[in-house]
Protein backbone atom coordinates (compact mmCIF):
# COMPACT_ATOMS: atom_id res chain seq x y z
CA MET A 1 -52.39 -112.19 60.70
CA ALA A 2 -51.19 -115.13 62.73
CA MET A 3 -51.57 -115.03 66.48
CA ALA A 4 -49.16 -116.61 68.83
CA LEU A 5 -50.99 -118.93 71.15
CA LYS A 6 -49.84 -119.82 74.58
CA LYS A 7 -49.41 -123.39 75.67
CA GLU A 8 -52.41 -123.19 78.01
CA GLU A 9 -54.66 -121.97 75.19
CA LEU A 10 -53.52 -124.82 72.92
CA LEU A 11 -54.30 -127.38 75.65
CA THR A 12 -57.75 -125.88 76.08
CA ILE A 13 -58.42 -126.05 72.34
CA GLY A 14 -57.19 -129.67 72.28
CA LYS A 15 -59.56 -130.70 75.08
CA TYR A 16 -62.49 -129.01 73.33
CA VAL A 17 -61.75 -130.85 70.05
CA GLN A 18 -61.49 -134.22 71.86
CA GLU A 19 -64.83 -133.71 73.62
CA HIS A 20 -66.71 -132.84 70.44
CA LEU A 21 -64.92 -135.14 67.98
CA THR A 22 -67.45 -137.93 68.35
CA GLU A 23 -70.26 -135.51 67.63
CA TRP A 24 -68.66 -134.13 64.49
CA LEU A 25 -67.53 -137.40 62.87
CA PRO A 26 -70.97 -138.94 62.24
CA GLU A 27 -71.87 -135.84 60.27
CA GLN A 28 -69.16 -136.76 57.75
CA PRO A 29 -70.51 -139.94 56.06
CA TYR A 30 -67.28 -141.08 54.39
CA ARG A 31 -65.01 -140.34 57.32
CA SER A 32 -66.80 -142.41 59.85
CA THR A 33 -65.42 -145.90 60.23
CA ASP A 34 -68.80 -147.14 61.50
CA ARG A 35 -70.46 -146.48 58.14
CA ILE A 36 -67.81 -148.04 55.89
CA TYR A 37 -68.54 -151.69 55.45
CA PRO A 38 -65.81 -154.32 55.26
CA ILE A 39 -66.81 -155.14 51.68
CA GLU A 40 -66.28 -151.55 50.62
CA LEU A 41 -62.96 -151.55 52.40
CA GLY A 42 -61.99 -154.77 50.60
CA GLU A 43 -63.05 -153.33 47.25
CA ARG A 44 -61.09 -150.19 47.95
CA MET A 45 -58.05 -152.23 48.96
CA VAL A 46 -58.31 -154.30 45.74
CA ARG A 47 -58.57 -151.13 43.66
CA VAL A 48 -55.61 -149.58 45.47
CA GLU A 49 -53.60 -152.78 45.00
CA GLU A 50 -54.50 -152.92 41.29
CA GLU A 51 -53.57 -149.28 40.89
CA LEU A 52 -50.28 -149.90 42.69
CA LYS A 53 -49.69 -152.90 40.42
CA ASN A 54 -50.39 -150.73 37.36
CA GLN A 55 -48.09 -148.05 38.71
CA ARG A 56 -45.39 -150.69 39.30
CA GLU A 57 -45.80 -151.97 35.73
CA LEU A 58 -45.62 -148.45 34.31
CA MET A 59 -42.51 -147.74 36.39
CA LYS A 60 -40.98 -151.03 35.25
CA GLN A 61 -41.69 -150.15 31.61
CA GLY A 62 -40.24 -146.70 32.14
CA PHE A 63 -37.10 -148.14 33.73
CA ASP A 64 -36.81 -150.70 30.92
CA GLN A 65 -37.04 -147.90 28.37
CA ILE A 66 -34.41 -145.95 30.28
CA ASP A 67 -32.20 -149.06 30.37
CA ARG A 68 -32.63 -149.54 26.59
CA ARG A 69 -31.86 -145.89 25.95
CA MET A 70 -28.81 -146.10 28.19
CA GLU A 71 -27.63 -149.22 26.32
CA MET A 72 -28.13 -147.43 22.99
CA MET A 73 -26.29 -144.39 24.29
CA GLN A 74 -23.49 -146.63 25.56
CA ILE A 75 -23.24 -148.33 22.17
CA ASP A 76 -23.27 -144.96 20.42
CA MET A 77 -20.62 -143.58 22.78
CA ASP A 78 -18.47 -146.69 22.27
CA ARG A 79 -18.75 -146.22 18.52
CA ARG A 80 -17.81 -142.56 18.81
CA PHE A 81 -14.85 -143.38 21.05
CA GLU A 82 -13.70 -145.95 18.49
CA GLN A 83 -13.93 -143.29 15.77
CA VAL A 84 -11.97 -140.84 17.90
CA ASP A 85 -9.37 -143.55 18.59
CA LYS A 86 -9.09 -144.22 14.85
CA GLN A 87 -8.69 -140.52 14.16
CA PHE A 88 -5.96 -140.30 16.80
CA GLU A 89 -4.23 -143.33 15.29
CA LEU A 90 -4.38 -141.73 11.84
CA MET A 91 -3.05 -138.47 13.22
CA GLN A 92 -0.27 -140.36 15.00
CA ALA A 93 0.60 -142.22 11.79
CA ASN A 94 0.66 -138.95 9.84
CA MET A 95 2.84 -137.34 12.47
CA ASP A 96 5.20 -140.34 12.38
CA LYS A 97 5.44 -140.05 8.58
CA ARG A 98 6.14 -136.34 8.84
CA PHE A 99 8.81 -136.91 11.46
CA GLU A 100 10.39 -139.55 9.24
CA GLN A 101 10.39 -137.07 6.35
CA VAL A 102 11.95 -134.43 8.59
CA ASP A 103 14.56 -136.98 9.72
CA LYS A 104 15.34 -137.78 6.07
CA ARG A 105 15.68 -134.09 5.30
CA PHE A 106 18.02 -133.64 8.24
CA GLU A 107 20.07 -136.58 6.98
CA GLN A 108 20.24 -134.94 3.55
CA VAL A 109 21.29 -131.66 5.15
CA ASP A 110 23.93 -133.53 7.15
CA LYS A 111 25.22 -135.10 3.93
CA ARG A 112 25.32 -131.69 2.27
CA PHE A 113 27.25 -130.27 5.22
CA GLU A 114 29.68 -133.16 4.94
CA GLN A 115 30.10 -132.40 1.24
CA VAL A 116 30.61 -128.71 2.03
CA ASP A 117 33.16 -129.69 4.68
CA LYS A 118 34.99 -131.80 2.09
CA ARG A 119 34.94 -128.89 -0.34
CA PHE A 120 36.29 -126.57 2.35
CA GLU A 121 39.03 -129.09 3.04
CA GLN A 122 39.84 -129.16 -0.68
CA VAL A 123 39.85 -125.34 -0.80
CA ASN A 124 42.10 -125.28 2.28
CA LYS A 125 44.48 -127.71 0.55
CA ARG A 126 44.46 -125.49 -2.53
CA PHE A 127 45.19 -122.43 -0.39
CA ASP A 128 47.99 -124.37 1.29
CA ASP A 129 49.34 -125.27 -2.15
CA VAL A 130 49.02 -121.64 -3.28
CA ASN A 131 50.73 -120.47 -0.07
CA THR A 132 53.56 -122.93 -0.68
CA ARG A 133 53.91 -121.74 -4.26
CA LEU A 134 53.79 -118.08 -3.20
CA GLU A 135 56.45 -118.75 -0.59
CA ALA A 136 58.60 -120.42 -3.26
CA ILE A 137 58.04 -117.47 -5.61
CA GLU A 138 58.82 -115.05 -2.78
CA THR A 139 62.06 -116.91 -2.08
CA LYS A 140 62.98 -116.88 -5.76
CA MET A 141 62.09 -113.17 -6.01
CA PHE A 142 64.28 -112.45 -2.98
CA GLN A 143 67.14 -114.43 -4.50
CA PHE A 144 66.58 -112.65 -7.83
CA MET A 145 66.65 -109.26 -6.12
CA VAL A 146 69.80 -110.17 -4.23
CA TRP A 147 71.42 -111.51 -7.41
CA SER A 148 70.14 -108.52 -9.40
CA SER A 149 71.43 -106.05 -6.79
CA GLY A 150 74.77 -107.84 -6.71
CA PHE A 151 74.98 -107.86 -10.49
CA THR A 152 74.04 -104.17 -10.67
CA ALA A 153 76.57 -103.27 -8.00
CA THR A 154 79.28 -105.31 -9.73
CA LEU A 155 78.45 -103.80 -13.10
CA ALA A 156 78.47 -100.32 -11.56
CA GLY A 157 81.85 -101.08 -10.01
CA ILE A 158 83.22 -102.25 -13.33
CA VAL A 159 81.86 -99.17 -15.08
CA VAL A 160 83.38 -96.89 -12.44
CA ALA A 161 86.71 -98.76 -12.66
CA VAL A 162 86.74 -98.49 -16.46
CA ILE A 163 85.92 -94.83 -16.30
CA LYS A 164 88.71 -94.22 -13.76
CA PHE A 165 91.28 -96.14 -15.66
CA THR A 166 90.49 -94.71 -18.98
């Protein structure tokens, strides 16, 4: 369990540690600066520098490998994008061909409609001709009926006159 210390208690503990620090340090052989000789410090510094140099080289190699991998990935991605572009171009070309075929079919349908329109015009002309002929026949039939009625009435009159005078 942690205890909350007051500021006064912390100051007291700090003073106690300062007073006894010089007594405690000589007991630790590697922590005392008096016991470490300058040669040992130099050797340690050289080892640390060599280790840092090795670490730097390893990091450089790692970064170079990452750079090479990134370049390879970039090349691979470029190649894939080119393939995708080619596929899109092929799809576009196919779509253009299909649209051209559809346009040709629409042109053929338009031509057929024009032919059908011409046929309808011909049929309309024929109906007009038939109507004209029927009207002529109707007129002739009407004239025939009038002539026939007149002839029948005249003949009936003659027959009645002959019968009366005989």
